[in-house]
Amino acid sequence: MKTTYATFDPARYLDNDAVIAEYLSAAAEDPNPDVFLAALGHVARARGIAQVAKTSGLGRESLYKALGAGAHPRYETVSAVLRALGVKLTVVPVPRRTATRSRKKTPTSRAA
C-alpha cells in the first residue's frame, strides 16, 4: 500500500499578524534570499495576491514574478509589498560571542 500525503501550503496557516510577522522574521534569518521571497509570496497568497498587488501599486503578474524563485526584486518592490502586507523589517544587533579568546603573547623587545 502506497502512502500519499497532502501538499503542505503555508498560506493556509498565515491567518493573523503575529504569525505572519514571526514567519517572515524566521525566513529573513535564512542566508538564502529565496527563502524570504518564498515566505513573502506565501503571505501575499494568504492575504490575496490581487489585493496585495493593488495596495502595493504593482501589477498582479509583476508581483508573481518579483516573488518567484530565483527572482531578484528591487528593494523598492520588496518594501512596497511589506507595506501592503502591514509589516516592516527591523534591524537589530547580532549578539556577540562571550567566549574569550586567548591571545598569543609576543615579545616586545629583545636584547641584542
C-alpha atoms as a PDB file:
ATOM      1  CA  MET A   1       0.000   0.000   0.000  1.00  0.00           C
ATOM      2  CA  LYS A   2       1.402   3.347  -1.054  1.00  0.00           C
ATOM      3  CA  THR A   3       1.178   6.265   1.372  1.00  0.00           C
ATOM      4  CA  THR A   4       0.176   9.611  -0.054  1.00  0.00           C
ATOM      5  CA  TYR A   5       0.452  12.978   1.591  1.00  0.00           C
ATOM      6  CA  ALA A   6      -1.365  16.224   1.013  1.00  0.00           C
ATOM      7  CA  THR A   7       0.725  19.108  -0.276  1.00  0.00           C
ATOM      8  CA  PHE A   8       1.690  21.486   2.516  1.00  0.00           C
ATOM      9  CA  ASP A   9       0.549  25.048   1.888  1.00  0.00           C
ATOM     10  CA  PRO A  10       1.940  27.521   4.447  1.00  0.00           C
ATOM     11  CA  ALA A  11      -0.516  30.191   3.282  1.00  0.00           C
ATOM     12  CA  ARG A  12      -3.332  28.244   4.942  1.00  0.00           C
ATOM     13  CA  TYR A  13      -1.757  28.837   8.370  1.00  0.00           C
ATOM     14  CA  LEU A  14      -0.841  32.504   7.984  1.00  0.00           C
ATOM     15  CA  ASP A  15      -4.065  33.815   9.423  1.00  0.00           C
ATOM     16  CA  ASN A  16      -3.032  36.624  11.794  1.00  0.00           C
ATOM     17  CA  ASP A  17      -0.490  39.425  12.025  1.00  0.00           C
ATOM     18  CA  ALA A  18       1.600  37.841  14.786  1.00  0.00           C
ATOM     19  CA  VAL A  19       2.006  34.559  12.902  1.00  0.00           C
ATOM     20  CA  ILE A  20       2.848  36.399   9.691  1.00  0.00           C
ATOM     21  CA  ALA A  21       5.466  38.576  11.420  1.00  0.00           C
ATOM     22  CA  GLU A  22       7.120  35.563  13.051  1.00  0.00           C
ATOM     23  CA  TYR A  23       7.079  33.600   9.791  1.00  0.00           C
ATOM     24  CA  LEU A  24       8.716  36.433   7.839  1.00  0.00           C
ATOM     25  CA  SER A  25      11.248  37.064  10.628  1.00  0.00           C
ATOM     26  CA  ALA A  26      12.312  33.416  10.622  1.00  0.00           C
ATOM     27  CA  ALA A  27      12.570  33.406   6.820  1.00  0.00           C
ATOM     28  CA  ALA A  28      14.665  36.600   6.841  1.00  0.00           C
ATOM     29  CA  GLU A  29      17.264  34.887   9.044  1.00  0.00           C
ATOM     30  CA  ASP A  30      17.971  32.256   6.392  1.00  0.00           C
ATOM     31  CA  PRO A  31      21.088  33.076   4.355  1.00  0.00           C
ATOM     32  CA  ASN A  32      19.313  32.048   1.134  1.00  0.00           C
ATOM     33  CA  PRO A  33      17.323  35.080  -0.128  1.00  0.00           C
ATOM     34  CA  ASP A  34      14.920  32.786  -1.993  1.00  0.00           C
ATOM     35  CA  VAL A  35      13.593  31.581   1.368  1.00  0.00           C
ATOM     36  CA  PHE A  36      12.490  35.103   2.325  1.00  0.00           C
ATOM     37  CA  LEU A  37      10.986  35.758  -1.100  1.00  0.00           C
ATOM     38  CA  ALA A  38       9.081  32.463  -0.959  1.00  0.00           C
ATOM     39  CA  ALA A  39       7.773  33.345   2.503  1.00  0.00           C
ATOM     40  CA  LEU A  40       6.722  36.766   1.242  1.00  0.00           C
ATOM     41  CA  GLY A  41       4.864  35.002  -1.570  1.00  0.00           C
ATOM     42  CA  HIS A  42       3.117  32.690   0.900  1.00  0.00           C
ATOM     43  CA  VAL A  43       1.969  35.671   2.950  1.00  0.00           C
ATOM     44  CA  ALA A  44       0.823  37.513  -0.176  1.00  0.00           C
ATOM     45  CA  ARG A  45      -1.242  34.469  -1.184  1.00  0.00           C
ATOM     46  CA  ALA A  46      -2.688  34.250   2.331  1.00  0.00           C
ATOM     47  CA  ARG A  47      -3.756  37.902   2.128  1.00  0.00           C
ATOM     48  CA  GLY A  48      -4.853  37.658  -1.505  1.00  0.00           C
ATOM     49  CA  ILE A  49      -2.463  38.333  -4.382  1.00  0.00           C
ATOM     50  CA  ALA A  50      -4.853  40.713  -6.148  1.00  0.00           C
ATOM     51  CA  GLN A  51      -5.325  42.827  -3.024  1.00  0.00           C
ATOM     52  CA  VAL A  52      -1.592  42.910  -2.210  1.00  0.00           C
ATOM     53  CA  ALA A  53      -0.799  43.866  -5.808  1.00  0.00           C
ATOM     54  CA  LYS A  54      -3.368  46.666  -5.750  1.00  0.00           C
ATOM     55  CA  THR A  55      -2.248  48.024  -2.367  1.00  0.00           C
ATOM     56  CA  SER A  56       1.445  47.862  -3.289  1.00  0.00           C
ATOM     57  CA  GLY A  57       0.907  49.527  -6.666  1.00  0.00           C
ATOM     58  CA  LEU A  58       2.253  46.524  -8.567  1.00  0.00           C
ATOM     59  CA  GLY A  59       0.551  44.505 -11.250  1.00  0.00           C
ATOM     60  CA  ARG A  60      -0.519  41.019 -10.242  1.00  0.00           C
ATOM     61  CA  GLU A  61       1.811  39.388 -12.783  1.00  0.00           C
ATOM     62  CA  SER A  62       4.680  41.644 -11.694  1.00  0.00           C
ATOM     63  CA  LEU A  63       4.098  40.587  -8.106  1.00  0.00           C
ATOM     64  CA  TYR A  64       4.215  36.904  -9.070  1.00  0.00           C
ATOM     65  CA  LYS A  65       7.473  37.459 -10.965  1.00  0.00           C
ATOM     66  CA  ALA A  66       9.050  39.502  -8.160  1.00  0.00           C
ATOM     67  CA  LEU A  67       8.329  36.807  -5.571  1.00  0.00           C
ATOM     68  CA  GLY A  68       9.172  33.811  -7.753  1.00  0.00           C
ATOM     69  CA  ALA A  69      12.133  31.514  -7.133  1.00  0.00           C
ATOM     70  CA  GLY A  70      15.375  32.967  -8.421  1.00  0.00           C
ATOM     71  CA  ALA A  71      13.919  36.468  -8.745  1.00  0.00           C
ATOM     72  CA  HIS A  72      15.999  39.461  -7.762  1.00  0.00           C
ATOM     73  CA  PRO A  73      13.419  42.111  -6.920  1.00  0.00           C
ATOM     74  CA  ARG A  74      14.477  45.664  -6.204  1.00  0.00           C
ATOM     75  CA  TYR A  75      14.398  46.924  -2.642  1.00  0.00           C
ATOM     76  CA  GLU A  76      11.547  49.261  -3.556  1.00  0.00           C
ATOM     77  CA  THR A  77       9.442  46.299  -4.683  1.00  0.00           C
ATOM     78  CA  VAL A  78      10.036  44.317  -1.504  1.00  0.00           C
ATOM     79  CA  SER A  79       9.387  47.423   0.587  1.00  0.00           C
ATOM     80  CA  ALA A  80       6.090  48.101  -1.229  1.00  0.00           C
ATOM     81  CA  VAL A  81       4.953  44.507  -0.689  1.00  0.00           C
ATOM     82  CA  LEU A  82       5.872  44.639   3.004  1.00  0.00           C
ATOM     83  CA  ARG A  83       3.908  47.886   3.435  1.00  0.00           C
ATOM     84  CA  ALA A  84       0.941  46.344   1.605  1.00  0.00           C
ATOM     85  CA  LEU A  85       1.080  43.398   3.999  1.00  0.00           C
ATOM     86  CA  GLY A  86       1.206  45.707   7.022  1.00  0.00           C
ATOM     87  CA  VAL A  87       4.642  44.599   8.234  1.00  0.00           C
ATOM     88  CA  LYS A  88       8.096  46.170   8.324  1.00  0.00           C
ATOM     89  CA  LEU A  89      11.666  44.986   8.553  1.00  0.00           C
ATOM     90  CA  THR A  90      13.579  45.798  11.717  1.00  0.00           C
ATOM     91  CA  VAL A  91      17.339  45.717  12.105  1.00  0.00           C
ATOM     92  CA  VAL A  92      18.759  44.582  15.430  1.00  0.00           C
ATOM     93  CA  PRO A  93      22.336  43.917  16.512  1.00  0.00           C
ATOM     94  CA  VAL A  94      23.525  40.332  16.472  1.00  0.00           C
ATOM     95  CA  PRO A  95      24.577  39.137  19.935  1.00  0.00           C
ATOM     96  CA  ARG A  96      28.325  38.848  20.189  1.00  0.00           C
ATOM     97  CA  ARG A  97      30.037  35.749  21.400  1.00  0.00           C
ATOM     98  CA  THR A  98      31.029  35.972  25.028  1.00  0.00           C
ATOM     99  CA  ALA A  99      33.782  33.391  24.873  1.00  0.00           C
ATOM    100  CA  THR A 100      37.190  34.931  25.431  1.00  0.00           C
ATOM    101  CA  ARG A 101      39.987  34.167  23.076  1.00  0.00           C
ATOM    102  CA  SER A 102      43.429  33.600  24.436  1.00  0.00           C
ATOM    103  CA  ARG A 103      45.902  35.989  22.929  1.00  0.00           C
ATOM    104  CA  LYS A 104      49.306  34.853  21.944  1.00  0.00           C
ATOM    105  CA  LYS A 105      51.985  36.753  23.792  1.00  0.00           C
ATOM    106  CA  THR A 106      54.568  38.331  21.590  1.00  0.00           C
ATOM    107  CA  PRO A 107      57.916  39.526  22.787  1.00  0.00           C
ATOM    108  CA  THR A 108      58.034  43.292  22.973  1.00  0.00           C
ATOM    109  CA  SER A 109      61.782  43.744  22.850  1.00  0.00           C
ATOM    110  CA  ARG A 110      64.893  41.618  22.666  1.00  0.00           C
ATOM    111  CA  ALA A 111      68.360  42.418  23.799  1.00  0.00           C
ATOM    112  CA  ALA A 112      70.913  42.039  21.037  1.00  0.00           C
END
